[in-house]
Amino acid sequence: MPYNISDATYKIAKQIGVEIFPADKEDKKLEVYDAKTGIFLFYVGDSRYYDYHMYLEDEKKGIVPEGTAERKKILYHIRHKNDIEISRKSYIGAKLLW
């Protein structure tokens, strides 16, 4: 089943100059393209794991307690701080999914 891209994620993609589509690879969430050239850049997001937007949806449905998404986001950024700072792929993935 393809990843359900939130409106917020589309908005973020536009702000950072990329276009996104559900990934055609089963184990990935998004395909990322350069917005100006249309050239494929990379895949981001492991389909086996939750991201910020998925946690937000579960909060709205009452599946997880309020504040779970923010807590998970903070922990993600702590865990991946070095990756996000040095890798364009990690930076864009973090922006889009966290």
C-alpha atoms as a PDB file:
ATOM      1  CA  MET A   1       0.000   0.000   0.000  1.00  0.00           C
ATOM      2  CA  PRO A   2       1.498   3.371  -0.963  1.00  0.00           C
ATOM      3  CA  TYR A   3       2.408   5.900   1.711  1.00  0.00           C
ATOM      4  CA  ASN A   4      -0.298   8.496   2.374  1.00  0.00           C
ATOM      5  CA  ILE A   5       1.427  11.858   1.877  1.00  0.00           C
ATOM      6  CA  SER A   6      -0.024  14.579   4.101  1.00  0.00           C
ATOM      7  CA  ASP A   7      -0.845  18.077   2.862  1.00  0.00           C
ATOM      8  CA  ALA A   8       1.767  19.393   5.301  1.00  0.00           C
ATOM      9  CA  THR A   9       4.426  17.236   3.658  1.00  0.00           C
ATOM     10  CA  TYR A  10       3.523  18.558   0.198  1.00  0.00           C
ATOM     11  CA  LYS A  11       3.761  22.110   1.545  1.00  0.00           C
ATOM     12  CA  ILE A  12       7.193  21.460   3.060  1.00  0.00           C
ATOM     13  CA  ALA A  13       8.390  19.887  -0.207  1.00  0.00           C
ATOM     14  CA  LYS A  14       7.397  22.995  -2.132  1.00  0.00           C
ATOM     15  CA  GLN A  15       9.201  25.232   0.383  1.00  0.00           C
ATOM     16  CA  ILE A  16      12.473  23.315   0.061  1.00  0.00           C
ATOM     17  CA  GLY A  17      12.333  23.017  -3.736  1.00  0.00           C
ATOM     18  CA  VAL A  18      11.486  19.377  -4.285  1.00  0.00           C
ATOM     19  CA  GLU A  19       8.558  17.422  -5.656  1.00  0.00           C
ATOM     20  CA  ILE A  20       7.433  14.256  -3.935  1.00  0.00           C
ATOM     21  CA  PHE A  21       5.451  11.195  -4.893  1.00  0.00           C
ATOM     22  CA  PRO A  22       4.608   7.933  -3.146  1.00  0.00           C
ATOM     23  CA  ALA A  23       7.565   5.610  -3.654  1.00  0.00           C
ATOM     24  CA  ASP A  24       7.374   2.873  -6.242  1.00  0.00           C
ATOM     25  CA  LYS A  25       9.632   0.778  -3.987  1.00  0.00           C
ATOM     26  CA  GLU A  26       7.720  -1.183  -1.370  1.00  0.00           C
ATOM     27  CA  ASP A  27      10.236  -0.478   1.400  1.00  0.00           C
ATOM     28  CA  LYS A  28      10.338   3.321   0.912  1.00  0.00           C
ATOM     29  CA  LYS A  29       7.821   6.116   1.584  1.00  0.00           C
ATOM     30  CA  LEU A  30       8.686   8.895  -0.862  1.00  0.00           C
ATOM     31  CA  GLU A  31      10.386   9.537  -4.176  1.00  0.00           C
ATOM     32  CA  VAL A  32      12.058  12.953  -4.185  1.00  0.00           C
ATOM     33  CA  TYR A  33      12.656  14.976  -7.361  1.00  0.00           C
ATOM     34  CA  ASP A  34      14.307  18.325  -7.983  1.00  0.00           C
ATOM     35  CA  ALA A  35      11.426  20.774  -8.529  1.00  0.00           C
ATOM     36  CA  LYS A  36      13.272  22.796 -11.179  1.00  0.00           C
ATOM     37  CA  THR A  37      14.699  20.013 -13.327  1.00  0.00           C
ATOM     38  CA  GLY A  38      12.354  17.137 -12.535  1.00  0.00           C
ATOM     39  CA  ILE A  39      15.370  14.885 -12.012  1.00  0.00           C
ATOM     40  CA  PHE A  40      14.958  12.033  -9.538  1.00  0.00           C
ATOM     41  CA  LEU A  41      17.138  12.613  -6.474  1.00  0.00           C
ATOM     42  CA  PHE A  42      16.501   9.746  -4.055  1.00  0.00           C
ATOM     43  CA  TYR A  43      14.033   7.795  -1.955  1.00  0.00           C
ATOM     44  CA  VAL A  44      13.391   8.752   1.673  1.00  0.00           C
ATOM     45  CA  GLY A  45      11.607   7.101   4.560  1.00  0.00           C
ATOM     46  CA  ASP A  46      11.487   3.471   5.547  1.00  0.00           C
ATOM     47  CA  SER A  47       7.950   2.174   5.105  1.00  0.00           C
ATOM     48  CA  ARG A  48       8.341  -0.076   8.164  1.00  0.00           C
ATOM     49  CA  TYR A  49       8.507   2.884  10.555  1.00  0.00           C
ATOM     50  CA  TYR A  50       6.231   5.680  11.696  1.00  0.00           C
ATOM     51  CA  ASP A  51       7.018   9.343  11.084  1.00  0.00           C
ATOM     52  CA  TYR A  52       5.800  12.619  12.587  1.00  0.00           C
ATOM     53  CA  HIS A  53       2.760  12.927  10.323  1.00  0.00           C
ATOM     54  CA  MET A  54       1.667   9.352  11.020  1.00  0.00           C
ATOM     55  CA  TYR A  55       1.885   9.976  14.768  1.00  0.00           C
ATOM     56  CA  LEU A  56      -0.175  13.166  14.342  1.00  0.00           C
ATOM     57  CA  GLU A  57      -2.901  11.178  12.578  1.00  0.00           C
ATOM     58  CA  ASP A  58      -2.913   8.609  15.373  1.00  0.00           C
ATOM     59  CA  GLU A  59      -3.179  11.416  17.934  1.00  0.00           C
ATOM     60  CA  LYS A  60      -6.252  12.801  16.139  1.00  0.00           C
ATOM     61  CA  LYS A  61      -7.814   9.323  16.168  1.00  0.00           C
ATOM     62  CA  GLY A  62      -7.029   8.868  19.865  1.00  0.00           C
ATOM     63  CA  ILE A  63      -4.769   5.876  19.193  1.00  0.00           C
ATOM     64  CA  VAL A  64      -1.757   7.470  20.901  1.00  0.00           C
ATOM     65  CA  PRO A  65      -1.707  10.149  23.616  1.00  0.00           C
ATOM     66  CA  GLU A  66      -1.462  13.814  22.677  1.00  0.00           C
ATOM     67  CA  GLY A  67       2.125  14.972  22.474  1.00  0.00           C
ATOM     68  CA  THR A  68       3.430  11.655  21.139  1.00  0.00           C
ATOM     69  CA  ALA A  69       4.277  13.132  17.721  1.00  0.00           C
ATOM     70  CA  GLU A  70       6.269  16.015  19.236  1.00  0.00           C
ATOM     71  CA  ARG A  71       8.124  13.688  21.603  1.00  0.00           C
ATOM     72  CA  LYS A  72       9.019  11.314  18.764  1.00  0.00           C
ATOM     73  CA  LYS A  73      10.121  14.240  16.591  1.00  0.00           C
ATOM     74  CA  ILE A  74      12.497  15.517  19.264  1.00  0.00           C
ATOM     75  CA  LEU A  75      13.960  12.039  19.770  1.00  0.00           C
ATOM     76  CA  TYR A  76      14.380  11.562  16.019  1.00  0.00           C
ATOM     77  CA  HIS A  77      16.316  14.817  15.717  1.00  0.00           C
ATOM     78  CA  ILE A  78      18.534  13.932  18.669  1.00  0.00           C
ATOM     79  CA  ARG A  79      19.250  10.476  17.226  1.00  0.00           C
ATOM     80  CA  HIS A  80      19.989  11.727  13.687  1.00  0.00           C
ATOM     81  CA  LYS A  81      21.575  15.123  14.397  1.00  0.00           C
ATOM     82  CA  ASN A  82      24.898  14.336  12.695  1.00  0.00           C
ATOM     83  CA  ASP A  83      23.283  12.698   9.651  1.00  0.00           C
ATOM     84  CA  ILE A  84      20.934  15.629   9.091  1.00  0.00           C
ATOM     85  CA  GLU A  85      23.785  18.130   9.255  1.00  0.00           C
ATOM     86  CA  ILE A  86      26.055  16.434   6.712  1.00  0.00           C
ATOM     87  CA  SER A  87      23.791  14.654   4.226  1.00  0.00           C
ATOM     88  CA  ARG A  88      21.390  16.350   1.791  1.00  0.00           C
ATOM     89  CA  LYS A  89      19.290  13.187   1.634  1.00  0.00           C
ATOM     90  CA  SER A  90      19.041  12.985   5.434  1.00  0.00           C
ATOM     91  CA  TYR A  91      18.275  16.702   5.685  1.00  0.00           C
ATOM     92  CA  ILE A  92      15.440  16.536   3.140  1.00  0.00           C
ATOM     93  CA  GLY A  93      14.107  13.298   4.611  1.00  0.00           C
ATOM     94  CA  ALA A  94      14.032  14.845   8.076  1.00  0.00           C
ATOM     95  CA  LYS A  95      12.322  17.999   6.767  1.00  0.00           C
ATOM     96  CA  LEU A  96       9.649  16.021   4.929  1.00  0.00           C
ATOM     97  CA  LEU A  97       8.963  13.309   7.483  1.00  0.00           C
ATOM     98  CA  TRP A  98       9.886  14.928  10.802  1.00  0.00           C
END
